[in-house]
Amino acid sequence: MNTTTKMWHDVVFNDTRIDHLNNSEGGWVDVEDVALEHIRALQKSETGGQWFLLVAGSFYWNEFNESLYLFPLVS
């Protein structure tokens, strides 16, 4: 389990607060979206040798924390 997944798991299943992360942010990208963009890049010769950046919206851990307390049955 990687670090981010462990933090999420601890909050959801062990009722661990992550107050030290309240101002931290991150982003998630769907693995299927990443795979699709790899395929699209391979299909175009003009993309050879180029770098690509896939960007998702940001999330803040404090928003995640708050949602767990607003919807306790989900967690």
N, C-alpha and C. Protein backbone atom coordinates (compact mmCIF):
# COMPACT_ATOMS: atom_id res chain seq x y z
N MET A 1 0.86 -1.17 0.00
CA MET A 1 0.00 0.00 0.00
C MET A 1 0.91 1.23 0.00
N ASN A 2 0.66 2.16 -0.95
CA ASN A 2 1.51 3.35 -0.98
C ASN A 2 1.08 4.34 0.10
N THR A 3 1.86 5.39 0.27
CA THR A 3 1.65 6.33 1.36
C THR A 3 0.28 7.00 1.31
N THR A 4 -0.12 7.47 0.15
CA THR A 4 -1.41 8.16 0.04
C THR A 4 -2.56 7.21 0.31
N THR A 5 -2.49 6.01 -0.21
CA THR A 5 -3.54 5.03 0.02
C THR A 5 -3.62 4.67 1.50
N LYS A 6 -2.48 4.55 2.15
CA LYS A 6 -2.47 4.24 3.59
C LYS A 6 -3.12 5.36 4.39
N MET A 7 -2.82 6.62 4.04
CA MET A 7 -3.45 7.74 4.74
C MET A 7 -4.96 7.69 4.58
N TRP A 8 -5.42 7.46 3.35
CA TRP A 8 -6.85 7.37 3.08
C TRP A 8 -7.46 6.22 3.88
N HIS A 9 -6.83 5.07 3.85
CA HIS A 9 -7.32 3.89 4.57
C HIS A 9 -7.41 4.17 6.06
N ASP A 10 -6.39 4.80 6.63
CA ASP A 10 -6.40 5.08 8.07
C ASP A 10 -7.53 6.02 8.46
N VAL A 11 -7.81 7.01 7.62
CA VAL A 11 -8.90 7.94 7.91
C VAL A 11 -10.25 7.24 7.82
N VAL A 12 -10.45 6.46 6.78
CA VAL A 12 -11.75 5.83 6.55
C VAL A 12 -12.01 4.68 7.51
N PHE A 13 -11.02 3.82 7.70
CA PHE A 13 -11.27 2.59 8.46
C PHE A 13 -10.77 2.61 9.90
N ASN A 14 -9.84 3.49 10.22
CA ASN A 14 -9.29 3.53 11.58
C ASN A 14 -9.65 4.81 12.31
N ASP A 15 -10.50 5.65 11.69
CA ASP A 15 -10.93 6.91 12.29
C ASP A 15 -9.74 7.77 12.72
N THR A 16 -8.70 7.76 11.92
CA THR A 16 -7.51 8.55 12.19
C THR A 16 -7.69 9.93 11.59
N ARG A 17 -7.44 10.97 12.38
CA ARG A 17 -7.52 12.33 11.85
C ARG A 17 -6.19 12.67 11.21
N ILE A 18 -6.25 13.43 10.15
CA ILE A 18 -5.02 13.81 9.44
C ILE A 18 -4.89 15.33 9.45
N ASP A 19 -5.01 15.91 10.64
CA ASP A 19 -4.97 17.36 10.76
C ASP A 19 -3.70 17.97 10.19
N HIS A 20 -2.58 17.26 10.29
CA HIS A 20 -1.33 17.81 9.77
C HIS A 20 -1.34 17.93 8.25
N LEU A 21 -2.31 17.33 7.59
CA LEU A 21 -2.41 17.42 6.14
C LEU A 21 -3.48 18.40 5.67
N ASN A 22 -4.13 19.09 6.58
CA ASN A 22 -5.27 19.92 6.20
C ASN A 22 -4.97 20.92 5.10
N ASN A 23 -3.77 21.44 5.03
CA ASN A 23 -3.45 22.41 4.00
C ASN A 23 -2.75 21.77 2.81
N SER A 24 -2.59 20.47 2.83
CA SER A 24 -1.93 19.77 1.73
C SER A 24 -2.94 19.52 0.62
N GLU A 25 -2.44 19.47 -0.59
CA GLU A 25 -3.31 19.17 -1.72
C GLU A 25 -2.69 18.08 -2.57
N GLY A 26 -3.50 17.51 -3.39
CA GLY A 26 -3.04 16.47 -4.30
C GLY A 26 -4.00 16.37 -5.47
N GLY A 27 -3.79 15.37 -6.28
CA GLY A 27 -4.68 15.17 -7.41
C GLY A 27 -4.72 13.70 -7.78
N TRP A 28 -5.84 13.28 -8.30
CA TRP A 28 -5.99 11.92 -8.76
C TRP A 28 -6.26 11.92 -10.24
N VAL A 29 -5.73 10.93 -10.91
CA VAL A 29 -5.99 10.74 -12.34
C VAL A 29 -6.44 9.30 -12.52
N ASP A 30 -7.47 9.10 -13.31
CA ASP A 30 -7.97 7.76 -13.58
C ASP A 30 -6.97 7.02 -14.47
N VAL A 31 -6.61 5.81 -14.09
CA VAL A 31 -5.63 5.03 -14.84
C VAL A 31 -6.10 4.76 -16.27
N GLU A 32 -7.41 4.64 -16.47
CA GLU A 32 -7.93 4.44 -17.83
C GLU A 32 -7.72 5.67 -18.70
N ASP A 33 -7.84 6.86 -18.11
CA ASP A 33 -7.57 8.09 -18.86
C ASP A 33 -6.11 8.17 -19.27
N VAL A 34 -5.22 7.79 -18.36
CA VAL A 34 -3.79 7.80 -18.67
C VAL A 34 -3.48 6.81 -19.78
N ALA A 35 -4.05 5.61 -19.70
CA ALA A 35 -3.82 4.60 -20.74
C ALA A 35 -4.32 5.08 -22.09
N LEU A 36 -5.49 5.70 -22.11
CA LEU A 36 -6.05 6.21 -23.36
C LEU A 36 -5.14 7.27 -23.98
N GLU A 37 -4.60 8.15 -23.18
CA GLU A 37 -3.70 9.19 -23.70
C GLU A 37 -2.39 8.60 -24.21
N HIS A 38 -1.91 7.54 -23.60
CA HIS A 38 -0.74 6.84 -24.13
C HIS A 38 -1.04 6.29 -25.53
N ILE A 39 -2.19 5.68 -25.66
CA ILE A 39 -2.58 5.12 -26.97
C ILE A 39 -2.70 6.23 -28.01
N ARG A 40 -3.35 7.33 -27.65
CA ARG A 40 -3.50 8.45 -28.60
C ARG A 40 -2.14 9.00 -29.01
N ALA A 41 -1.21 9.10 -28.07
CA ALA A 41 0.12 9.61 -28.39
C ALA A 41 0.86 8.67 -29.32
N LEU A 42 0.69 7.37 -29.13
CA LEU A 42 1.36 6.39 -29.99
C LEU A 42 0.79 6.39 -31.41
N GLN A 43 -0.44 6.84 -31.57
CA GLN A 43 -1.09 6.83 -32.88
C GLN A 43 -0.71 8.02 -33.75
N LYS A 44 -0.02 9.01 -33.20
CA LYS A 44 0.32 10.21 -33.96
C LYS A 44 1.83 10.35 -34.04
N SER A 45 2.35 10.40 -35.24
CA SER A 45 3.80 10.50 -35.41
C SER A 45 4.35 11.83 -34.87
N GLU A 46 3.56 12.89 -34.93
CA GLU A 46 4.05 14.19 -34.47
C GLU A 46 4.23 14.28 -32.95
N THR A 47 3.75 13.27 -32.22
CA THR A 47 3.92 13.29 -30.77
C THR A 47 5.21 12.60 -30.33
N GLY A 48 5.96 12.04 -31.26
CA GLY A 48 7.21 11.36 -30.92
C GLY A 48 8.19 12.30 -30.24
N GLY A 49 8.79 11.83 -29.16
CA GLY A 49 9.79 12.61 -28.45
C GLY A 49 9.23 13.74 -27.59
N GLN A 50 7.91 13.83 -27.49
CA GLN A 50 7.28 14.90 -26.72
C GLN A 50 6.95 14.42 -25.31
N TRP A 51 6.86 15.36 -24.39
CA TRP A 51 6.43 15.10 -23.03
C TRP A 51 4.97 15.50 -22.90
N PHE A 52 4.22 14.77 -22.09
CA PHE A 52 2.81 15.07 -21.89
C PHE A 52 2.51 15.17 -20.41
N LEU A 53 1.60 16.03 -20.08
CA LEU A 53 1.19 16.21 -18.70
C LEU A 53 -0.33 16.07 -18.63
N LEU A 54 -0.79 15.09 -17.88
CA LEU A 54 -2.22 14.90 -17.67
C LEU A 54 -2.56 15.52 -16.32
N VAL A 55 -3.53 16.39 -16.30
CA VAL A 55 -3.85 17.15 -15.10
C VAL A 55 -5.28 16.88 -14.68
N ALA A 56 -5.46 16.63 -13.40
CA ALA A 56 -6.80 16.47 -12.83
C ALA A 56 -7.04 17.64 -11.88
N GLY A 57 -8.24 17.79 -11.45
CA GLY A 57 -8.53 18.82 -10.47
C GLY A 57 -7.85 18.50 -9.14
N SER A 58 -7.56 19.52 -8.39
CA SER A 58 -6.91 19.32 -7.09
C SER A 58 -7.93 18.97 -6.02
N PHE A 59 -7.46 18.27 -5.03
CA PHE A 59 -8.27 18.05 -3.84
C PHE A 59 -7.43 18.46 -2.64
N TYR A 60 -8.09 18.86 -1.59
CA TYR A 60 -7.41 19.22 -0.36
C TYR A 60 -7.83 18.22 0.70
N TRP A 61 -6.87 17.76 1.48
CA TRP A 61 -7.16 16.76 2.49
C TRP A 61 -8.20 17.24 3.49
N ASN A 62 -8.22 18.55 3.80
CA ASN A 62 -9.21 19.01 4.77
C ASN A 62 -10.63 18.84 4.23
N GLU A 63 -10.83 18.97 2.91
CA GLU A 63 -12.15 18.73 2.32
C GLU A 63 -12.53 17.26 2.45
N PHE A 64 -11.56 16.40 2.26
CA PHE A 64 -11.79 14.97 2.42
C PHE A 64 -12.16 14.66 3.87
N ASN A 65 -11.39 15.23 4.80
CA ASN A 65 -11.66 15.04 6.22
C ASN A 65 -13.07 15.48 6.58
N GLU A 66 -13.45 16.68 6.11
CA GLU A 66 -14.77 17.21 6.42
C GLU A 66 -15.88 16.33 5.86
N SER A 67 -15.70 15.81 4.68
CA SER A 67 -16.75 14.98 4.08
C SER A 67 -16.98 13.70 4.87
N LEU A 68 -15.94 13.18 5.51
CA LEU A 68 -16.11 11.97 6.32
C LEU A 68 -16.99 12.23 7.53
N TYR A 69 -16.92 13.44 8.06
CA TYR A 69 -17.74 13.76 9.22
C TYR A 69 -19.13 14.23 8.83
N LEU A 70 -19.28 14.73 7.61
CA LEU A 70 -20.61 15.10 7.13
C LEU A 70 -21.43 13.88 6.72
N PHE A 71 -20.74 12.85 6.24
CA PHE A 71 -21.40 11.63 5.77
C PHE A 71 -20.81 10.41 6.47
N PRO A 72 -21.04 10.28 7.76
CA PRO A 72 -20.40 9.19 8.53
C PRO A 72 -20.79 7.79 8.09
N LEU A 73 -21.97 7.61 7.54
CA LEU A 73 -22.38 6.26 7.13
C LEU A 73 -21.59 5.77 5.93
N VAL A 74 -21.11 6.69 5.11
CA VAL A 74 -20.31 6.31 3.95
C VAL A 74 -18.98 5.74 4.41
N SER A 75 -18.39 6.37 5.42
CA SER A 75 -17.10 5.90 5.91
C SER A 75 -17.29 4.70 6.81
